[in-house]
Every structure is written in structure tokens, then in C-alpha cells.
C-alpha atoms as a PDB file:
ATOM      1  CA  MET A   1      12.943   0.339  -6.290  1.00  0.00           C
ATOM      2  CA  MET A   2       9.891  -1.052  -8.310  1.00  0.00           C
ATOM      3  CA  ILE A   3       6.499  -1.365  -7.050  1.00  0.00           C
ATOM      4  CA  SER A   4       4.995  -4.852  -7.629  1.00  0.00           C
ATOM      5  CA  THR A   5       2.022  -6.259  -9.294  1.00  0.00           C
ATOM      6  CA  LYS A   6       0.515  -6.714  -5.684  1.00  0.00           C
ATOM      7  CA  GLY A   7       1.344  -3.710  -4.221  1.00  0.00           C
ATOM      8  CA  ARG A   8      -0.157  -1.870  -7.267  1.00  0.00           C
ATOM      9  CA  TYR A   9      -3.455  -3.833  -7.324  1.00  0.00           C
ATOM     10  CA  ALA A  10      -3.668  -3.744  -3.448  1.00  0.00           C
ATOM     11  CA  LEU A  11      -3.756   0.262  -4.283  1.00  0.00           C
ATOM     12  CA  ARG A  12      -6.273  -0.015  -6.392  1.00  0.00           C
ATOM     13  CA  VAL A  13      -8.592  -2.161  -4.295  1.00  0.00           C
ATOM     14  CA  MET A  14      -8.083   0.710  -1.609  1.00  0.00           C
ATOM     15  CA  LEU A  15      -8.831   3.512  -3.867  1.00  0.00           C
ATOM     16  CA  ASP A  16     -11.881   1.239  -5.367  1.00  0.00           C
ATOM     17  CA  LEU A  17     -13.102   1.145  -1.563  1.00  0.00           C
ATOM     18  CA  ALA A  18     -12.697   4.820  -0.920  1.00  0.00           C
ATOM     19  CA  GLY A  19     -14.775   5.611  -3.903  1.00  0.00           C
ATOM     20  CA  GLN A  20     -18.011   3.563  -2.216  1.00  0.00           C
ATOM     21  CA  ALA A  21     -19.941   6.063  -0.308  1.00  0.00           C
ATOM     22  CA  GLU A  22     -21.328   3.495   1.959  1.00  0.00           C
ATOM     23  CA  GLY A  23     -21.876  -0.075   3.095  1.00  0.00           C
ATOM     24  CA  TYR A  24     -19.408  -2.971   1.514  1.00  0.00           C
ATOM     25  CA  LEU A  25     -17.926  -4.444  -1.732  1.00  0.00           C
ATOM     26  CA  SER A  26     -17.611  -7.662  -2.572  1.00  0.00           C
ATOM     27  CA  LEU A  27     -14.449  -8.930  -3.943  1.00  0.00           C
ATOM     28  CA  LYS A  28     -16.395  -9.755  -6.853  1.00  0.00           C
ATOM     29  CA  GLU A  29     -17.453  -6.381  -7.876  1.00  0.00           C
ATOM     30  CA  ILE A  30     -14.050  -4.815  -7.314  1.00  0.00           C
ATOM     31  CA  ALA A  31     -12.177  -7.918  -9.201  1.00  0.00           C
ATOM     32  CA  ASP A  32     -14.597  -7.089 -12.127  1.00  0.00           C
ATOM     33  CA  ARG A  33     -13.996  -3.113 -11.617  1.00  0.00           C
ATOM     34  CA  GLN A  34     -10.454  -3.117 -11.590  1.00  0.00           C
ATOM     35  CA  GLN A  35      -9.881  -6.522 -14.012  1.00  0.00           C
ATOM     36  CA  ILE A  36      -8.002  -8.249 -11.241  1.00  0.00           C
ATOM     37  CA  SER A  37      -8.786 -11.911 -10.470  1.00  0.00           C
ATOM     38  CA  VAL A  38     -10.785 -12.773  -7.362  1.00  0.00           C
ATOM     39  CA  LYS A  39      -8.107 -15.351  -6.084  1.00  0.00           C
ATOM     40  CA  TYR A  40      -5.927 -13.148  -6.190  1.00  0.00           C
ATOM     41  CA  LEU A  41      -7.731 -10.047  -4.791  1.00  0.00           C
ATOM     42  CA  GLU A  42      -8.604 -12.552  -1.898  1.00  0.00           C
ATOM     43  CA  SER A  43      -4.870 -12.870  -0.826  1.00  0.00           C
ATOM     44  CA  ILE A  44      -4.430  -9.014  -1.471  1.00  0.00           C
ATOM     45  CA  ALA A  45      -7.619  -8.467   0.746  1.00  0.00           C
ATOM     46  CA  ALA A  46      -6.286 -10.521   3.602  1.00  0.00           C
ATOM     47  CA  ILE A  47      -3.105  -8.777   4.029  1.00  0.00           C
ATOM     48  CA  LEU A  48      -5.173  -5.248   4.055  1.00  0.00           C
ATOM     49  CA  ASN A  49      -7.686  -7.042   6.468  1.00  0.00           C
ATOM     50  CA  ARG A  50      -4.894  -8.737   8.912  1.00  0.00           C
ATOM     51  CA  ALA A  51      -3.306  -4.693   9.107  1.00  0.00           C
ATOM     52  CA  GLY A  52      -6.792  -3.096  10.102  1.00  0.00           C
ATOM     53  CA  LEU A  53      -6.625  -1.204   6.889  1.00  0.00           C
ATOM     54  CA  VAL A  54     -10.034  -2.884   5.699  1.00  0.00           C
ATOM     55  CA  ARG A  55     -12.811  -4.302   7.495  1.00  0.00           C
ATOM     56  CA  SER A  56     -14.784  -7.228   6.250  1.00  0.00           C
ATOM     57  CA  GLN A  57     -18.346  -8.660   6.977  1.00  0.00           C
ATOM     58  CA  ARG A  58     -19.799 -11.888   6.107  1.00  0.00           C
ATOM     59  CA  GLY A  59     -23.271 -12.792   4.511  1.00  0.00           C
ATOM     60  CA  LYS A  60     -25.888 -11.447   1.572  1.00  0.00           C
ATOM     61  CA  ASP A  61     -24.389  -8.042   2.226  1.00  0.00           C
ATOM     62  CA  GLY A  62     -21.205  -8.263   3.022  1.00  0.00           C
ATOM     63  CA  GLY A  63     -17.918  -7.491   1.684  1.00  0.00           C
ATOM     64  CA  TYR A  64     -15.104  -5.342   2.473  1.00  0.00           C
ATOM     65  CA  CYS A  65     -14.884  -1.517   3.446  1.00  0.00           C
ATOM     66  CA  LEU A  66     -12.073   1.138   4.164  1.00  0.00           C
ATOM     67  CA  ALA A  67     -11.576   0.510   8.504  1.00  0.00           C
ATOM     68  CA  ARG A  68     -10.660   4.381   8.606  1.00  0.00           C
ATOM     69  CA  PRO A  69     -11.269   7.692   6.312  1.00  0.00           C
ATOM     70  CA  ALA A  70      -9.416   7.526   2.887  1.00  0.00           C
ATOM     71  CA  GLY A  71      -7.699  10.920   4.135  1.00  0.00           C
ATOM     72  CA  GLU A  72      -6.439   9.049   7.259  1.00  0.00           C
ATOM     73  CA  ILE A  73      -4.704   5.918   4.336  1.00  0.00           C
ATOM     74  CA  THR A  74      -1.434   6.662   2.978  1.00  0.00           C
ATOM     75  CA  ALA A  75       0.195   5.168   0.280  1.00  0.00           C
ATOM     76  CA  ALA A  76       3.097   4.571   2.044  1.00  0.00           C
ATOM     77  CA  GLU A  77       0.873   2.258   4.736  1.00  0.00           C
ATOM     78  CA  VAL A  78      -0.373   0.499   2.141  1.00  0.00           C
ATOM     79  CA  LEU A  79       2.717  -0.288  -0.220  1.00  0.00           C
ATOM     80  CA  ARG A  80       4.707  -1.205   2.878  1.00  0.00           C
ATOM     81  CA  LEU A  81       2.138  -4.009   3.489  1.00  0.00           C
ATOM     82  CA  THR A  82       2.624  -5.626   0.361  1.00  0.00           C
ATOM     83  CA  GLU A  83       6.472  -4.515  -0.479  1.00  0.00           C
ATOM     84  CA  GLY A  84       7.672  -5.343   2.665  1.00  0.00           C
ATOM     85  CA  THR A  85      10.661  -2.427   2.169  1.00  0.00           C
ATOM     86  CA  LEU A  86      10.313   0.934   0.323  1.00  0.00           C
ATOM     87  CA  SER A  87      14.064   0.968   0.224  1.00  0.00           C
ATOM     88  CA  PRO A  88      15.467   1.929  -3.207  1.00  0.00           C
ATOM     89  CA  VAL A  89      18.334  -0.709  -2.845  1.00  0.00           C
ATOM     90  CA  ALA A  90      19.491  -3.631  -0.826  1.00  0.00           C
ATOM     91  CA  CYS A  91      21.177  -2.122   2.084  1.00  0.00           C
ATOM     92  CA  PRO A  92      21.417  -3.259   5.378  1.00  0.00           C
ATOM     93  CA  THR A  93      21.950  -0.017   7.134  1.00  0.00           C
ATOM     94  CA  LEU A  94      18.810   1.201   5.618  1.00  0.00           C
ATOM     95  CA  GLU A  95      17.081  -1.780   6.603  1.00  0.00           C
ATOM     96  CA  GLY A  96      18.699  -0.921  10.201  1.00  0.00           C
ATOM     97  CA  THR A  97      20.831  -3.528  10.419  1.00  0.00           C
ATOM     98  CA  PRO A  98      24.928  -2.762  11.130  1.00  0.00           C
ATOM     99  CA  CYS A  99      27.159  -2.560   7.743  1.00  0.00           C
ATOM    100  CA  GLN A 100      30.967  -2.986   7.820  1.00  0.00           C
ATOM    101  CA  ARG A 101      31.162  -0.706   5.115  1.00  0.00           C
ATOM    102  CA  ALA A 102      28.923   1.985   6.406  1.00  0.00           C
ATOM    103  CA  GLU A 103      31.441   4.552   7.248  1.00  0.00           C
ATOM    104  CA  THR A 104      33.359   4.227   3.986  1.00  0.00           C
ATOM    105  CA  CYS A 105      30.201   3.587   1.926  1.00  0.00           C
ATOM    106  CA  LYS A 106      30.564   6.619  -0.792  1.00  0.00           C
ATOM    107  CA  THR A 107      27.222   5.856  -1.912  1.00  0.00           C
ATOM    108  CA  LEU A 108      25.596   5.438   1.475  1.00  0.00           C
ATOM    109  CA  PRO A 109      24.503   9.211   1.344  1.00  0.00           C
ATOM    110  CA  LEU A 110      22.569   8.871  -1.863  1.00  0.00           C
ATOM    111  CA  TRP A 111      20.822   6.054  -0.721  1.00  0.00           C
ATOM    112  CA  ARG A 112      19.597   7.734   2.522  1.00  0.00           C
ATOM    113  CA  VAL A 113      18.534  10.804   0.632  1.00  0.00           C
ATOM    114  CA  LEU A 114      16.447   8.893  -1.916  1.00  0.00           C
ATOM    115  CA  ASP A 115      14.978   6.372   0.548  1.00  0.00           C
ATOM    116  CA  GLU A 116      13.752   9.649   2.447  1.00  0.00           C
ATOM    117  CA  THR A 117      12.571  11.193  -0.671  1.00  0.00           C
ATOM    118  CA  ILE A 118      10.549   8.068  -1.173  1.00  0.00           C
ATOM    119  CA  ASP A 119       9.350   7.865   1.926  1.00  0.00           C
ATOM    120  CA  ARG A 120       8.258  11.227   2.519  1.00  0.00           C
ATOM    121  CA  THR A 121       6.422  11.292  -1.078  1.00  0.00           C
ATOM    122  CA  LEU A 122       4.496   8.095  -0.304  1.00  0.00           C
ATOM    123  CA  SER A 123       3.669   9.225   3.127  1.00  0.00           C
ATOM    124  CA  SER A 124       2.561  12.511   2.038  1.00  0.00           C
ATOM    125  CA  VAL A 125       0.002  11.144  -0.225  1.00  0.00           C
ATOM    126  CA  THR A 126      -3.612   9.777   1.061  1.00  0.00           C
ATOM    127  CA  LEU A 127      -6.342   7.327  -0.728  1.00  0.00           C
ATOM    128  CA  GLU A 128      -8.533  10.528  -0.790  1.00  0.00           C
ATOM    129  CA  ASP A 129      -5.549  12.706  -2.831  1.00  0.00           C
ATOM    130  CA  LEU A 130      -5.163  10.052  -5.256  1.00  0.00           C
ATOM    131  CA  LEU A 131      -9.009   9.526  -5.354  1.00  0.00           C
ATOM    132  CA  HIS A 132      -9.442  13.194  -6.268  1.00  0.00           C
ATOM    133  CA  GLY A 133      -6.468  13.800  -8.410  1.00  0.00           C
ATOM    134  CA  GLN A 134      -4.481  15.984  -6.092  1.00  0.00           C
ATOM    135  CA  ILE A 135      -1.376  14.862  -6.514  1.00  0.00           C
END
């Protein structure tokens, strides 16, 4: 599994917002700090906003903020939005689709264990953990 640039940037944006004490941050502020283009951030912010992980506000003091406390948002939540799946391999069985080879596939148990390990790890790490270096 390889996390895309969009996934990495989404986590960086969320951590930037998590580090904000109060109020809203403009995408320009975040883009400058994270060295990401505003245009690319707009697409990421839209995904995060639609999913309810961030709130947006228009106007002079507008921008984005976390919709929930940083300790309640996991890395898995953020990455699933941008990556679609966190599965380590393209396997129909892991994606919930019947596979003719599942009963005889000698590698399926390995992929299941790896998939569960990835999910468990990413689901156990919150933005607050990352923000405070507690991983």
C-alpha cells in the first residue's frame, strides 16, 4: 500500500487545523505553512468538508476548522477519504466482493492479517496523538 500525495497532504492539513487554538484558518495560511498549492488544498478541503471532518466559514474571518476535537479524529478516517481503501493489495475478498479463488488462495490469510494490522494501527492514531508526537 502506498499513501498518495493527496492522503499525506490531507493529514498535514488536518494537523495544521488541530494545532490551531481557536477560530478558522484560511487555506492561504495553511498552504503557506505546509508548502502546498492553494488550488490543490481547495480540492482536499472540499473532501474533508463534505465528510464532516472540517467546518468552513465564509467572510473576512472565515476559513476552516476541525468539526470535532483532534482526539476524536483518526488517521484512518482521513486516509480513507482520500485513498478510498487502505487495503494492502487489490483483492476482491478484502474489498467485500466474492472471489472464486478465495477458498484456495494460499496468500489470502496473509493479506487479511496485513489489512487488519494496517486498519488497527491507523484507527488507533488520532490527530492529537500525531500533534503531540505520541506515536
